[in-house]
């Protein structure tokens, strides 16, 4: 049993759960669960589709405004009706330019079904 005033944990890395003991004026600390906040997005410009999987989801490059902020470039997977999205990466115009410069330096062979650039 834990010594008075000590917090015990149920497993390594778990949040502490402390119960109030008689005579203590401190309130108990409980585990807290947080719900992710809602967010808004607007696809300002659908630039292009990079690929499509068997279920119809497409990996796209778009210009998106998140939470009514300045639009940024975004690469992620989208369901066919754009009601669901996968994890992605959002980059600024400056980062997109840097990515373009890096890609231009690479010597990439075209896929078998595409003509070489």
PDB file of N, CA and C in Angstrom:
ATOM      1  N   UNK A   1       0.834  -1.177   0.000  1.00  0.00           N
ATOM      2  CA  UNK A   1       0.000   0.000   0.000  1.00  0.00           C
ATOM      3  C   UNK A   1       0.878   1.240   0.000  1.00  0.00           C
ATOM      4  N   UNK A   2       0.419   2.258  -0.726  1.00  0.00           N
ATOM      5  CA  UNK A   2       1.187   3.490  -0.814  1.00  0.00           C
ATOM      6  C   UNK A   2       1.194   4.223   0.516  1.00  0.00           C
ATOM      7  N   UNK A   3       2.269   4.941   0.739  1.00  0.00           N
ATOM      8  CA  UNK A   3       2.366   5.765   1.938  1.00  0.00           C
ATOM      9  C   UNK A   3       1.377   6.919   1.827  1.00  0.00           C
ATOM     10  N   UNK A   4       0.874   7.436   2.966  1.00  0.00           N
ATOM     11  CA  UNK A   4      -0.065   8.555   2.919  1.00  0.00           C
ATOM     12  C   UNK A   4       0.508   9.722   2.120  1.00  0.00           C
ATOM     13  N   UNK A   5      -0.334  10.291   1.254  1.00  0.00           N
ATOM     14  CA  UNK A   5       0.095  11.435   0.461  1.00  0.00           C
ATOM     15  C   UNK A   5       0.785  11.058  -0.829  1.00  0.00           C
ATOM     16  N   UNK A   6       1.038   9.774  -1.057  1.00  0.00           N
ATOM     17  CA  UNK A   6       1.694   9.337  -2.285  1.00  0.00           C
ATOM     18  C   UNK A   6       0.633   8.964  -3.314  1.00  0.00           C
ATOM     19  N   UNK A   7       0.974   9.113  -4.567  1.00  0.00           N
ATOM     20  CA  UNK A   7       0.072   8.724  -5.645  1.00  0.00           C
ATOM     21  C   UNK A   7       0.526   7.377  -6.192  1.00  0.00           C
ATOM     22  N   UNK A   8      -0.412   6.486  -6.404  1.00  0.00           N
ATOM     23  CA  UNK A   8      -0.094   5.195  -6.990  1.00  0.00           C
ATOM     24  C   UNK A   8      -0.536   5.162  -8.435  1.00  0.00           C
ATOM     25  N   UNK A   9       0.139   4.391  -9.249  1.00  0.00           N
ATOM     26  CA  UNK A   9      -0.259   4.257 -10.642  1.00  0.00           C
ATOM     27  C   UNK A   9      -0.644   2.820 -10.911  1.00  0.00           C
ATOM     28  N   UNK A  10      -1.509   2.641 -11.873  1.00  0.00           N
ATOM     29  CA  UNK A  10      -1.958   1.296 -12.207  1.00  0.00           C
ATOM     30  C   UNK A  10      -1.005   0.599 -13.163  1.00  0.00           C
ATOM     31  N   UNK A  11      -0.292   1.341 -13.972  1.00  0.00           N
ATOM     32  CA  UNK A  11       0.683   0.779 -14.888  1.00  0.00           C
ATOM     33  C   UNK A  11       1.681   1.866 -15.247  1.00  0.00           C
ATOM     34  N   UNK A  12       2.873   1.474 -15.712  1.00  0.00           N
ATOM     35  CA  UNK A  12       3.860   2.501 -16.063  1.00  0.00           C
ATOM     36  C   UNK A  12       3.297   3.452 -17.109  1.00  0.00           C
ATOM     37  N   UNK A  13       3.482   4.730 -16.901  1.00  0.00           N
ATOM     38  CA  UNK A  13       3.024   5.750 -17.832  1.00  0.00           C
ATOM     39  C   UNK A  13       1.571   6.138 -17.664  1.00  0.00           C
ATOM     40  N   UNK A  14       0.825   5.441 -16.802  1.00  0.00           N
ATOM     41  CA  UNK A  14      -0.590   5.764 -16.603  1.00  0.00           C
ATOM     42  C   UNK A  14      -0.716   7.000 -15.721  1.00  0.00           C
ATOM     43  N   UNK A  15      -1.829   7.681 -15.869  1.00  0.00           N
ATOM     44  CA  UNK A  15      -2.087   8.852 -15.037  1.00  0.00           C
ATOM     45  C   UNK A  15      -2.312   8.405 -13.594  1.00  0.00           C
ATOM     46  N   UNK A  16      -1.898   9.224 -12.656  1.00  0.00           N
ATOM     47  CA  UNK A  16      -2.059   8.883 -11.247  1.00  0.00           C
ATOM     48  C   UNK A  16      -3.511   9.033 -10.814  1.00  0.00           C
ATOM     49  N   UNK A  17      -3.935   8.157  -9.934  1.00  0.00           N
ATOM     50  CA  UNK A  17      -5.269   8.250  -9.345  1.00  0.00           C
ATOM     51  C   UNK A  17      -5.052   8.337  -7.843  1.00  0.00           C
ATOM     52  N   UNK A  18      -5.524   9.403  -7.242  1.00  0.00           N
ATOM     53  CA  UNK A  18      -5.301   9.629  -5.821  1.00  0.00           C
ATOM     54  C   UNK A  18      -6.658   9.742  -5.150  1.00  0.00           C
ATOM     55  N   UNK A  19      -6.834   9.049  -4.088  1.00  0.00           N
ATOM     56  CA  UNK A  19      -8.090   9.139  -3.351  1.00  0.00           C
ATOM     57  C   UNK A  19      -7.896  10.026  -2.135  1.00  0.00           C
ATOM     58  N   UNK A  20      -8.963  10.685  -1.754  1.00  0.00           N
ATOM     59  CA  UNK A  20      -8.897  11.579  -0.598  1.00  0.00           C
ATOM     60  C   UNK A  20      -8.956  10.740   0.670  1.00  0.00           C
ATOM     61  N   UNK A  21      -8.039  11.000   1.555  1.00  0.00           N
ATOM     62  CA  UNK A  21      -7.992  10.277   2.828  1.00  0.00           C
ATOM     63  C   UNK A  21      -8.611  11.140   3.915  1.00  0.00           C
ATOM     64  N   UNK A  22      -9.164  10.528   4.926  1.00  0.00           N
ATOM     65  CA  UNK A  22      -9.766  11.313   6.016  1.00  0.00           C
ATOM     66  C   UNK A  22      -8.778  12.324   6.577  1.00  0.00           C
ATOM     67  N   UNK A  23      -9.255  13.525   6.800  1.00  0.00           N
ATOM     68  CA  UNK A  23      -8.414  14.565   7.385  1.00  0.00           C
ATOM     69  C   UNK A  23      -7.647  15.380   6.357  1.00  0.00           C
ATOM     70  N   UNK A  24      -7.659  14.982   5.087  1.00  0.00           N
ATOM     71  CA  UNK A  24      -6.949  15.746   4.068  1.00  0.00           C
ATOM     72  C   UNK A  24      -7.885  16.779   3.465  1.00  0.00           C
ATOM     73  N   UNK A  25      -7.363  17.979   3.198  1.00  0.00           N
ATOM     74  CA  UNK A  25      -8.210  18.999   2.598  1.00  0.00           C
ATOM     75  C   UNK A  25      -7.948  19.152   1.108  1.00  0.00           C
ATOM     76  N   UNK A  26      -7.141  18.261   0.537  1.00  0.00           N
ATOM     77  CA  UNK A  26      -6.879  18.309  -0.900  1.00  0.00           C
ATOM     78  C   UNK A  26      -7.960  17.530  -1.634  1.00  0.00           C
ATOM     79  N   UNK A  27      -8.356  18.026  -2.786  1.00  0.00           N
ATOM     80  CA  UNK A  27      -9.342  17.325  -3.594  1.00  0.00           C
ATOM     81  C   UNK A  27      -8.670  16.160  -4.323  1.00  0.00           C
ATOM     82  N   UNK A  28      -9.411  15.095  -4.601  1.00  0.00           N
ATOM     83  CA  UNK A  28      -8.822  13.977  -5.315  1.00  0.00           C
ATOM     84  C   UNK A  28      -8.509  14.334  -6.770  1.00  0.00           C
ATOM     85  N   UNK A  29      -7.496  13.691  -7.302  1.00  0.00           N
ATOM     86  CA  UNK A  29      -7.131  13.861  -8.705  1.00  0.00           C
ATOM     87  C   UNK A  29      -7.599  12.624  -9.455  1.00  0.00           C
ATOM     88  N   UNK A  30      -8.345  12.823 -10.513  1.00  0.00           N
ATOM     89  CA  UNK A  30      -8.867  11.712 -11.298  1.00  0.00           C
ATOM     90  C   UNK A  30      -8.260  11.730 -12.692  1.00  0.00           C
ATOM     91  N   UNK A  31      -8.377  10.620 -13.378  1.00  0.00           N
ATOM     92  CA  UNK A  31      -7.930  10.576 -14.762  1.00  0.00           C
ATOM     93  C   UNK A  31      -8.822  11.487 -15.580  1.00  0.00           C
ATOM     94  N   UNK A  32      -8.209  12.142 -16.525  1.00  0.00           N
ATOM     95  CA  UNK A  32      -8.957  13.051 -17.379  1.00  0.00           C
ATOM     96  C   UNK A  32      -8.923  12.530 -18.808  1.00  0.00           C
ATOM     97  N   UNK A  33     -10.060  12.532 -19.445  1.00  0.00           N
ATOM     98  CA  UNK A  33     -10.168  12.110 -20.837  1.00  0.00           C
ATOM     99  C   UNK A  33     -10.563  13.333 -21.649  1.00  0.00           C
ATOM    100  N   UNK A  34      -9.851  13.566 -22.725  1.00  0.00           N
ATOM    101  CA  UNK A  34     -10.105  14.740 -23.531  1.00  0.00           C
ATOM    102  C   UNK A  34     -10.661  14.333 -24.888  1.00  0.00           C
ATOM    103  N   UNK A  35     -11.679  15.020 -25.318  1.00  0.00           N
ATOM    104  CA  UNK A  35     -12.249  14.822 -26.637  1.00  0.00           C
ATOM    105  C   UNK A  35     -11.560  15.799 -27.577  1.00  0.00           C
ATOM    106  N   UNK A  36     -11.194  15.320 -28.755  1.00  0.00           N
ATOM    107  CA  UNK A  36     -10.580  16.209 -29.727  1.00  0.00           C
ATOM    108  C   UNK A  36     -11.579  17.273 -30.162  1.00  0.00           C
ATOM    109  N   UNK A  37     -11.091  18.468 -30.310  1.00  0.00           N
ATOM    110  CA  UNK A  37     -11.951  19.577 -30.711  1.00  0.00           C
ATOM    111  C   UNK A  37     -12.396  19.407 -32.160  1.00  0.00           C
ATOM    112  N   UNK A  38     -13.561  19.918 -32.460  1.00  0.00           N
ATOM    113  CA  UNK A  38     -14.046  19.932 -33.831  1.00  0.00           C
ATOM    114  C   UNK A  38     -13.180  20.914 -34.627  1.00  0.00           C
ATOM    115  N   UNK A  39     -13.053  20.672 -35.918  1.00  0.00           N
ATOM    116  CA  UNK A  39     -12.324  21.599 -36.752  1.00  0.00           C
ATOM    117  C   UNK A  39     -13.035  21.739 -38.088  1.00  0.00           C
ATOM    118  N   UNK A  40     -12.768  22.863 -38.740  1.00  0.00           N
ATOM    119  CA  UNK A  40     -13.373  23.147 -40.037  1.00  0.00           C
ATOM    120  C   UNK A  40     -12.281  23.114 -41.098  1.00  0.00           C
ATOM    121  N   UNK A  41     -12.691  22.731 -42.296  1.00  0.00           N
ATOM    122  CA  UNK A  41     -11.760  22.824 -43.409  1.00  0.00           C
ATOM    123  C   UNK A  41     -12.527  23.172 -44.673  1.00  0.00           C
ATOM    124  N   UNK A  42     -11.840  23.866 -45.561  1.00  0.00           N
ATOM    125  CA  UNK A  42     -12.400  24.189 -46.859  1.00  0.00           C
ATOM    126  C   UNK A  42     -11.342  23.894 -47.907  1.00  0.00           C
ATOM    127  N   UNK A  43     -11.681  23.052 -48.867  1.00  0.00           N
ATOM    128  CA  UNK A  43     -10.765  22.786 -49.968  1.00  0.00           C
ATOM    129  C   UNK A  43     -10.890  23.958 -50.937  1.00  0.00           C
ATOM    130  N   UNK A  44      -9.886  24.813 -50.934  1.00  0.00           N
ATOM    131  CA  UNK A  44      -9.886  26.031 -51.743  1.00  0.00           C
ATOM    132  C   UNK A  44      -9.573  25.699 -53.200  1.00  0.00           C
ATOM    133  N   UNK A  45      -8.631  24.767 -53.411  1.00  0.00           N
ATOM    134  CA  UNK A  45      -8.228  24.394 -54.768  1.00  0.00           C
ATOM    135  C   UNK A  45      -7.824  22.924 -54.781  1.00  0.00           C
ATOM    136  N   UNK A  46      -8.489  22.129 -55.626  1.00  0.00           N
ATOM    137  CA  UNK A  46      -8.110  20.727 -55.806  1.00  0.00           C
ATOM    138  C   UNK A  46      -7.066  20.690 -56.915  1.00  0.00           C
ATOM    139  N   UNK A  47      -5.799  20.554 -56.524  1.00  0.00           N
ATOM    140  CA  UNK A  47      -4.698  20.664 -57.476  1.00  0.00           C
ATOM    141  C   UNK A  47      -4.522  19.397 -58.299  1.00  0.00           C
ATOM    142  N   UNK A  48      -4.566  18.233 -57.636  1.00  0.00           N
ATOM    143  CA  UNK A  48      -4.405  17.003 -58.404  1.00  0.00           C
ATOM    144  C   UNK A  48      -4.444  15.752 -57.559  1.00  0.00           C
ATOM    145  N   UNK A  49      -4.700  14.635 -58.221  1.00  0.00           N
ATOM    146  CA  UNK A  49      -4.747  13.322 -57.582  1.00  0.00           C
ATOM    147  C   UNK A  49      -3.417  12.622 -57.848  1.00  0.00           C
ATOM    148  N   UNK A  50      -2.783  12.143 -56.775  1.00  0.00           N
ATOM    149  CA  UNK A  50      -1.508  11.434 -56.904  1.00  0.00           C
ATOM    150  C   UNK A  50      -1.725   9.947 -57.152  1.00  0.00           C
ATOM    151  N   UNK A  51      -2.743   9.370 -56.506  1.00  0.00           N
ATOM    152  CA  UNK A  51      -3.039   7.942 -56.677  1.00  0.00           C
ATOM    153  C   UNK A  51      -4.445   7.652 -56.170  1.00  0.00           C
ATOM    154  N   UNK A  52      -4.930   6.445 -56.503  1.00  0.00           N
ATOM    155  CA  UNK A  52      -6.234   5.987 -56.032  1.00  0.00           C
ATOM    156  C   UNK A  52      -6.114   4.530 -55.631  1.00  0.00           C
ATOM    157  N   UNK A  53      -6.703   4.159 -54.467  1.00  0.00           N
ATOM    158  CA  UNK A  53      -6.629   2.758 -54.037  1.00  0.00           C
ATOM    159  C   UNK A  53      -7.874   1.993 -54.482  1.00  0.00           C
ATOM    160  N   UNK A  54      -7.931   0.707 -54.175  1.00  0.00           N
ATOM    161  CA  UNK A  54      -9.016  -0.159 -54.626  1.00  0.00           C
ATOM    162  C   UNK A  54     -10.377   0.242 -54.057  1.00  0.00           C
ATOM    163  N   UNK A  55     -10.386   0.908 -52.915  1.00  0.00           N
ATOM    164  CA  UNK A  55     -11.651   1.320 -52.297  1.00  0.00           C
ATOM    165  C   UNK A  55     -12.116   2.699 -52.761  1.00  0.00           C
ATOM    166  N   UNK A  56     -11.387   3.302 -53.683  1.00  0.00           N
ATOM    167  CA  UNK A  56     -11.781   4.597 -54.224  1.00  0.00           C
ATOM    168  C   UNK A  56     -11.203   5.803 -53.516  1.00  0.00           C
ATOM    169  N   UNK A  57     -10.449   5.584 -52.427  1.00  0.00           N
ATOM    170  CA  UNK A  57      -9.811   6.699 -51.728  1.00  0.00           C
ATOM    171  C   UNK A  57      -8.691   7.237 -52.615  1.00  0.00           C
ATOM    172  N   UNK A  58      -8.554   8.553 -52.649  1.00  0.00           N
ATOM    173  CA  UNK A  58      -7.520   9.178 -53.471  1.00  0.00           C
ATOM    174  C   UNK A  58      -6.530   9.944 -52.598  1.00  0.00           C
ATOM    175  N   UNK A  59      -5.265   9.855 -52.980  1.00  0.00           N
ATOM    176  CA  UNK A  59      -4.223  10.668 -52.337  1.00  0.00           C
ATOM    177  C   UNK A  59      -4.097  11.913 -53.198  1.00  0.00           C
ATOM    178  N   UNK A  60      -4.323  13.076 -52.589  1.00  0.00           N
ATOM    179  CA  UNK A  60      -4.429  14.311 -53.351  1.00  0.00           C
ATOM    180  C   UNK A  60      -3.520  15.411 -52.820  1.00  0.00           C
ATOM    181  N   UNK A  61      -3.167  16.304 -53.722  1.00  0.00           N
ATOM    182  CA  UNK A  61      -2.526  17.567 -53.354  1.00  0.00           C
ATOM    183  C   UNK A  61      -3.590  18.641 -53.504  1.00  0.00           C
ATOM    184  N   UNK A  62      -3.907  19.312 -52.404  1.00  0.00           N
ATOM    185  CA  UNK A  62      -4.937  20.351 -52.388  1.00  0.00           C
ATOM    186  C   UNK A  62      -4.430  21.570 -51.650  1.00  0.00           C
ATOM    187  N   UNK A  63      -5.108  22.686 -51.871  1.00  0.00           N
ATOM    188  CA  UNK A  63      -4.901  23.896 -51.095  1.00  0.00           C
ATOM    189  C   UNK A  63      -6.092  23.982 -50.147  1.00  0.00           C
ATOM    190  N   UNK A  64      -5.819  23.900 -48.825  1.00  0.00           N
ATOM    191  CA  UNK A  64      -6.893  23.790 -47.835  1.00  0.00           C
ATOM    192  C   UNK A  64      -6.766  24.870 -46.771  1.00  0.00           C
ATOM    193  N   UNK A  65      -7.907  25.453 -46.416  1.00  0.00           N
ATOM    194  CA  UNK A  65      -7.981  26.379 -45.295  1.00  0.00           C
ATOM    195  C   UNK A  65      -8.484  25.590 -44.091  1.00  0.00           C
ATOM    196  N   UNK A  66      -7.663  25.494 -43.038  1.00  0.00           N
ATOM    197  CA  UNK A  66      -8.030  24.793 -41.809  1.00  0.00           C
ATOM    198  C   UNK A  66      -8.494  25.819 -40.793  1.00  0.00           C
ATOM    199  N   UNK A  67      -9.680  25.613 -40.227  1.00  0.00           N
ATOM    200  CA  UNK A  67     -10.230  26.505 -39.199  1.00  0.00           C
ATOM    201  C   UNK A  67     -10.232  27.969 -39.625  1.00  0.00           C
ATOM    202  N   UNK A  68     -10.611  28.194 -40.874  1.00  0.00           N
ATOM    203  CA  UNK A  68     -10.753  29.538 -41.444  1.00  0.00           C
ATOM    204  C   UNK A  68      -9.449  30.337 -41.420  1.00  0.00           C
ATOM    205  N   UNK A  69      -8.321  29.640 -41.470  1.00  0.00           N
ATOM    206  CA  UNK A  69      -7.015  30.309 -41.510  1.00  0.00           C
ATOM    207  C   UNK A  69      -6.528  30.384 -42.950  1.00  0.00           C
ATOM    208  N   UNK A  70      -5.363  30.997 -43.115  1.00  0.00           N
ATOM    209  CA  UNK A  70      -4.745  31.110 -44.436  1.00  0.00           C
ATOM    210  C   UNK A  70      -4.576  29.710 -45.039  1.00  0.00           C
ATOM    211  N   UNK A  71      -4.958  29.507 -46.300  1.00  0.00           N
ATOM    212  CA  UNK A  71      -4.836  28.178 -46.917  1.00  0.00           C
ATOM    213  C   UNK A  71      -3.381  27.708 -46.994  1.00  0.00           C
ATOM    214  N   UNK A  72      -3.204  26.383 -46.853  1.00  0.00           N
ATOM    215  CA  UNK A  72      -1.889  25.746 -46.976  1.00  0.00           C
ATOM    216  C   UNK A  72      -2.011  24.556 -47.901  1.00  0.00           C
ATOM    217  N   UNK A  73      -0.888  24.127 -48.442  1.00  0.00           N
ATOM    218  CA  UNK A  73      -0.871  22.950 -49.310  1.00  0.00           C
ATOM    219  C   UNK A  73      -0.947  21.708 -48.437  1.00  0.00           C
ATOM    220  N   UNK A  74      -1.634  20.710 -48.947  1.00  0.00           N
ATOM    221  CA  UNK A  74      -1.936  19.540 -48.132  1.00  0.00           C
ATOM    222  C   UNK A  74      -1.907  18.287 -49.002  1.00  0.00           C
ATOM    223  N   UNK A  75      -1.224  17.255 -48.510  1.00  0.00           N
ATOM    224  CA  UNK A  75      -1.211  15.947 -49.174  1.00  0.00           C
ATOM    225  C   UNK A  75      -1.793  14.948 -48.191  1.00  0.00           C
ATOM    226  N   UNK A  76      -2.911  14.302 -48.576  1.00  0.00           N
ATOM    227  CA  UNK A  76      -3.535  13.289 -47.730  1.00  0.00           C
ATOM    228  C   UNK A  76      -4.511  12.467 -48.548  1.00  0.00           C
ATOM    229  N   UNK A  77      -4.977  11.366 -47.939  1.00  0.00           N
ATOM    230  CA  UNK A  77      -5.975  10.517 -48.584  1.00  0.00           C
ATOM    231  C   UNK A  77      -7.371  11.005 -48.225  1.00  0.00           C
ATOM    232  N   UNK A  78      -8.272  10.910 -49.209  1.00  0.00           N
ATOM    233  CA  UNK A  78      -9.661  11.332 -49.045  1.00  0.00           C
ATOM    234  C   UNK A  78     -10.585  10.219 -49.521  1.00  0.00           C
ATOM    235  N   UNK A  79     -11.723  10.092 -48.834  1.00  0.00           N
ATOM    236  CA  UNK A  79     -12.751   9.168 -49.293  1.00  0.00           C
ATOM    237  C   UNK A  79     -13.332   9.714 -50.600  1.00  0.00           C
ATOM    238  N   UNK A  80     -14.033   8.866 -51.365  1.00  0.00           N
ATOM    239  CA  UNK A  80     -14.554   9.319 -52.658  1.00  0.00           C
ATOM    240  C   UNK A  80     -15.413  10.590 -52.582  1.00  0.00           C
ATOM    241  N   UNK A  81     -16.195  10.768 -51.511  1.00  0.00           N
ATOM    242  CA  UNK A  81     -17.042  11.960 -51.394  1.00  0.00           C
ATOM    243  C   UNK A  81     -16.410  13.070 -50.541  1.00  0.00           C
ATOM    244  N   UNK A  82     -15.159  12.909 -50.153  1.00  0.00           N
ATOM    245  CA  UNK A  82     -14.413  13.871 -49.336  1.00  0.00           C
ATOM    246  C   UNK A  82     -15.036  14.116 -47.963  1.00  0.00           C
ATOM    247  N   UNK A  83     -15.829  13.159 -47.464  1.00  0.00           N
ATOM    248  CA  UNK A  83     -16.404  13.308 -46.124  1.00  0.00           C
ATOM    249  C   UNK A  83     -15.470  12.771 -45.050  1.00  0.00           C
ATOM    250  N   UNK A  84     -14.499  11.943 -45.438  1.00  0.00           N
ATOM    251  CA  UNK A  84     -13.517  11.385 -44.502  1.00  0.00           C
ATOM    252  C   UNK A  84     -12.130  11.607 -45.069  1.00  0.00           C
ATOM    253  N   UNK A  85     -11.166  11.726 -44.145  1.00  0.00           N
ATOM    254  CA  UNK A  85      -9.785  11.938 -44.566  1.00  0.00           C
ATOM    255  C   UNK A  85      -8.844  11.074 -43.752  1.00  0.00           C
ATOM    256  N   UNK A  86      -7.705  10.772 -44.332  1.00  0.00           N
ATOM    257  CA  UNK A  86      -6.658  10.053 -43.635  1.00  0.00           C
ATOM    258  C   UNK A  86      -5.631  11.042 -43.106  1.00  0.00           C
ATOM    259  N   UNK A  87      -4.593  10.484 -42.501  1.00  0.00           N
ATOM    260  CA  UNK A  87      -3.510  11.348 -42.019  1.00  0.00           C
ATOM    261  C   UNK A  87      -2.785  11.940 -43.215  1.00  0.00           C
ATOM    262  N   UNK A  88      -2.276  13.127 -43.018  1.00  0.00           N
ATOM    263  CA  UNK A  88      -1.600  13.791 -44.116  1.00  0.00           C
ATOM    264  C   UNK A  88      -0.547  14.748 -43.619  1.00  0.00           C
ATOM    265  N   UNK A  89      -0.044  15.520 -44.556  1.00  0.00           N
ATOM    266  CA  UNK A  89       0.962  16.527 -44.223  1.00  0.00           C
ATOM    267  C   UNK A  89       0.511  17.847 -44.842  1.00  0.00           C
ATOM    268  N   UNK A  90       0.624  18.908 -44.057  1.00  0.00           N
ATOM    269  CA  UNK A  90       0.257  20.247 -44.495  1.00  0.00           C
ATOM    270  C   UNK A  90       1.515  21.095 -44.511  1.00  0.00           C
ATOM    271  N   UNK A  91       1.733  21.802 -45.634  1.00  0.00           N
ATOM    272  CA  UNK A  91       2.954  22.587 -45.782  1.00  0.00           C
ATOM    273  C   UNK A  91       2.621  23.979 -46.328  1.00  0.00           C
ATOM    274  N   UNK A  92       3.470  24.912 -46.001  1.00  0.00           N
ATOM    275  CA  UNK A  92       3.313  26.289 -46.477  1.00  0.00           C
ATOM    276  C   UNK A  92       3.791  26.393 -47.922  1.00  0.00           C
ATOM    277  N   UNK A  93       3.542  27.536 -48.536  1.00  0.00           N
ATOM    278  CA  UNK A  93       4.003  27.774 -49.906  1.00  0.00           C
ATOM    279  C   UNK A  93       5.530  27.705 -49.974  1.00  0.00           C
ATOM    280  N   UNK A  94       6.192  28.233 -48.959  1.00  0.00           N
ATOM    281  CA  UNK A  94       7.664  28.205 -48.922  1.00  0.00           C
ATOM    282  C   UNK A  94       8.176  26.770 -48.826  1.00  0.00           C
ATOM    283  N   UNK A  95       7.522  25.957 -47.998  1.00  0.00           N
ATOM    284  CA  UNK A  95       7.918  24.545 -47.869  1.00  0.00           C
ATOM    285  C   UNK A  95       7.642  23.780 -49.159  1.00  0.00           C
ATOM    286  N   UNK A  96       6.551  24.101 -49.839  1.00  0.00           N
ATOM    287  CA  UNK A  96       6.242  23.460 -51.119  1.00  0.00           C
ATOM    288  C   UNK A  96       7.310  23.791 -52.148  1.00  0.00           C
ATOM    289  N   UNK A  97       7.755  25.045 -52.163  1.00  0.00           N
ATOM    290  CA  UNK A  97       8.819  25.453 -53.077  1.00  0.00           C
ATOM    291  C   UNK A  97      10.110  24.690 -52.770  1.00  0.00           C
ATOM    292  N   UNK A  98      10.441  24.555 -51.488  1.00  0.00           N
ATOM    293  CA  UNK A  98      11.644  23.798 -51.104  1.00  0.00           C
ATOM    294  C   UNK A  98      11.525  22.342 -51.524  1.00  0.00           C
ATOM    295  N   UNK A  99      10.333  21.763 -51.358  1.00  0.00           N
ATOM    296  CA  UNK A  99      10.102  20.382 -51.780  1.00  0.00           C
ATOM    297  C   UNK A  99      10.277  20.251 -53.288  1.00  0.00           C
ATOM    298  N   UNK A 100       9.761  21.208 -54.041  1.00  0.00           N
ATOM    299  CA  UNK A 100       9.911  21.200 -55.500  1.00  0.00           C
ATOM    300  C   UNK A 100      11.385  21.216 -55.881  1.00  0.00           C
ATOM    301  N   UNK A 101      12.164  22.077 -55.235  1.00  0.00           N
ATOM    302  CA  UNK A 101      13.602  22.158 -55.517  1.00  0.00           C
ATOM    303  C   UNK A 101      14.295  20.824 -55.213  1.00  0.00           C
ATOM    304  N   UNK A 102      13.942  20.194 -54.099  1.00  0.00           N
ATOM    305  CA  UNK A 102      14.538  18.903 -53.742  1.00  0.00           C
ATOM    306  C   UNK A 102      14.166  17.822 -54.761  1.00  0.00           C
ATOM    307  N   UNK A 103      12.913  17.805 -55.175  1.00  0.00           N
ATOM    308  CA  UNK A 103      12.473  16.796 -56.146  1.00  0.00           C
ATOM    309  C   UNK A 103      13.134  16.983 -57.503  1.00  0.00           C
ATOM    310  N   UNK A 104      13.378  18.229 -57.879  1.00  0.00           N
ATOM    311  CA  UNK A 104      14.031  18.494 -59.169  1.00  0.00           C
ATOM    312  C   UNK A 104      15.474  18.003 -59.173  1.00  0.00           C
ATOM    313  N   UNK A 105      16.108  17.923 -58.004  1.00  0.00           N
ATOM    314  CA  UNK A 105      17.485  17.449 -57.908  1.00  0.00           C
ATOM    315  C   UNK A 105      17.581  15.929 -57.989  1.00  0.00           C
ATOM    316  N   UNK A 106      16.474  15.226 -57.696  1.00  0.00           N
ATOM    317  CA  UNK A 106      16.485  13.767 -57.711  1.00  0.00           C
ATOM    318  C   UNK A 106      16.462  13.226 -59.128  1.00  0.00           C
ATOM    319  N   UNK A 107      17.161  12.109 -59.315  1.00  0.00           N
ATOM    320  CA  UNK A 107      17.070  11.399 -60.585  1.00  0.00           C
ATOM    321  C   UNK A 107      16.116  10.244 -60.375  1.00  0.00           C
ATOM    322  N   UNK A 108      14.865  10.441 -60.804  1.00  0.00           N
ATOM    323  CA  UNK A 108      13.825   9.448 -60.587  1.00  0.00           C
ATOM    324  C   UNK A 108      13.447   8.822 -61.913  1.00  0.00           C
ATOM    325  N   UNK A 109      13.448   7.483 -61.937  1.00  0.00           N
ATOM    326  CA  UNK A 109      13.001   6.784 -63.137  1.00  0.00           C
ATOM    327  C   UNK A 109      11.489   6.725 -63.139  1.00  0.00           C
ATOM    328  N   UNK A 110      10.917   6.850 -64.329  1.00  0.00           N
ATOM    329  CA  UNK A 110       9.462   6.805 -64.461  1.00  0.00           C
ATOM    330  C   UNK A 110       8.960   5.395 -64.160  1.00  0.00           C
ATOM    331  N   UNK A 111       7.737   5.281 -63.613  1.00  0.00           N
ATOM    332  CA  UNK A 111       7.139   3.951 -63.442  1.00  0.00           C
ATOM    333  C   UNK A 111       7.011   3.274 -64.805  1.00  0.00           C
ATOM    334  N   UNK A 112       6.874   1.957 -64.794  1.00  0.00           N
ATOM    335  CA  UNK A 112       6.837   1.192 -66.043  1.00  0.00           C
ATOM    336  C   UNK A 112       5.765   1.665 -67.016  1.00  0.00           C
ATOM    337  N   UNK A 113       4.629   2.130 -66.491  1.00  0.00           N
ATOM    338  CA  UNK A 113       3.510   2.513 -67.362  1.00  0.00           C
ATOM    339  C   UNK A 113       3.486   3.987 -67.719  1.00  0.00           C
ATOM    340  N   UNK A 114       4.531   4.750 -67.372  1.00  0.00           N
ATOM    341  CA  UNK A 114       4.566   6.176 -67.656  1.00  0.00           C
ATOM    342  C   UNK A 114       5.778   6.521 -68.513  1.00  0.00           C
ATOM    343  N   UNK A 115       5.640   7.483 -69.412  1.00  0.00           N
ATOM    344  CA  UNK A 115       6.813   7.917 -70.187  1.00  0.00           C
ATOM    345  C   UNK A 115       7.782   8.702 -69.298  1.00  0.00           C
ATOM    346  N   UNK A 116       9.052   8.636 -69.594  1.00  0.00           N
ATOM    347  CA  UNK A 116      10.065   9.368 -68.825  1.00  0.00           C
ATOM    348  C   UNK A 116       9.914  10.863 -69.064  1.00  0.00           C
ATOM    349  N   UNK A 117      10.268  11.645 -68.055  1.00  0.00           N
ATOM    350  CA  UNK A 117      10.197  13.105 -68.183  1.00  0.00           C
ATOM    351  C   UNK A 117      11.410  13.655 -68.879  1.00  0.00           C
TER     352      UNK A 117
END
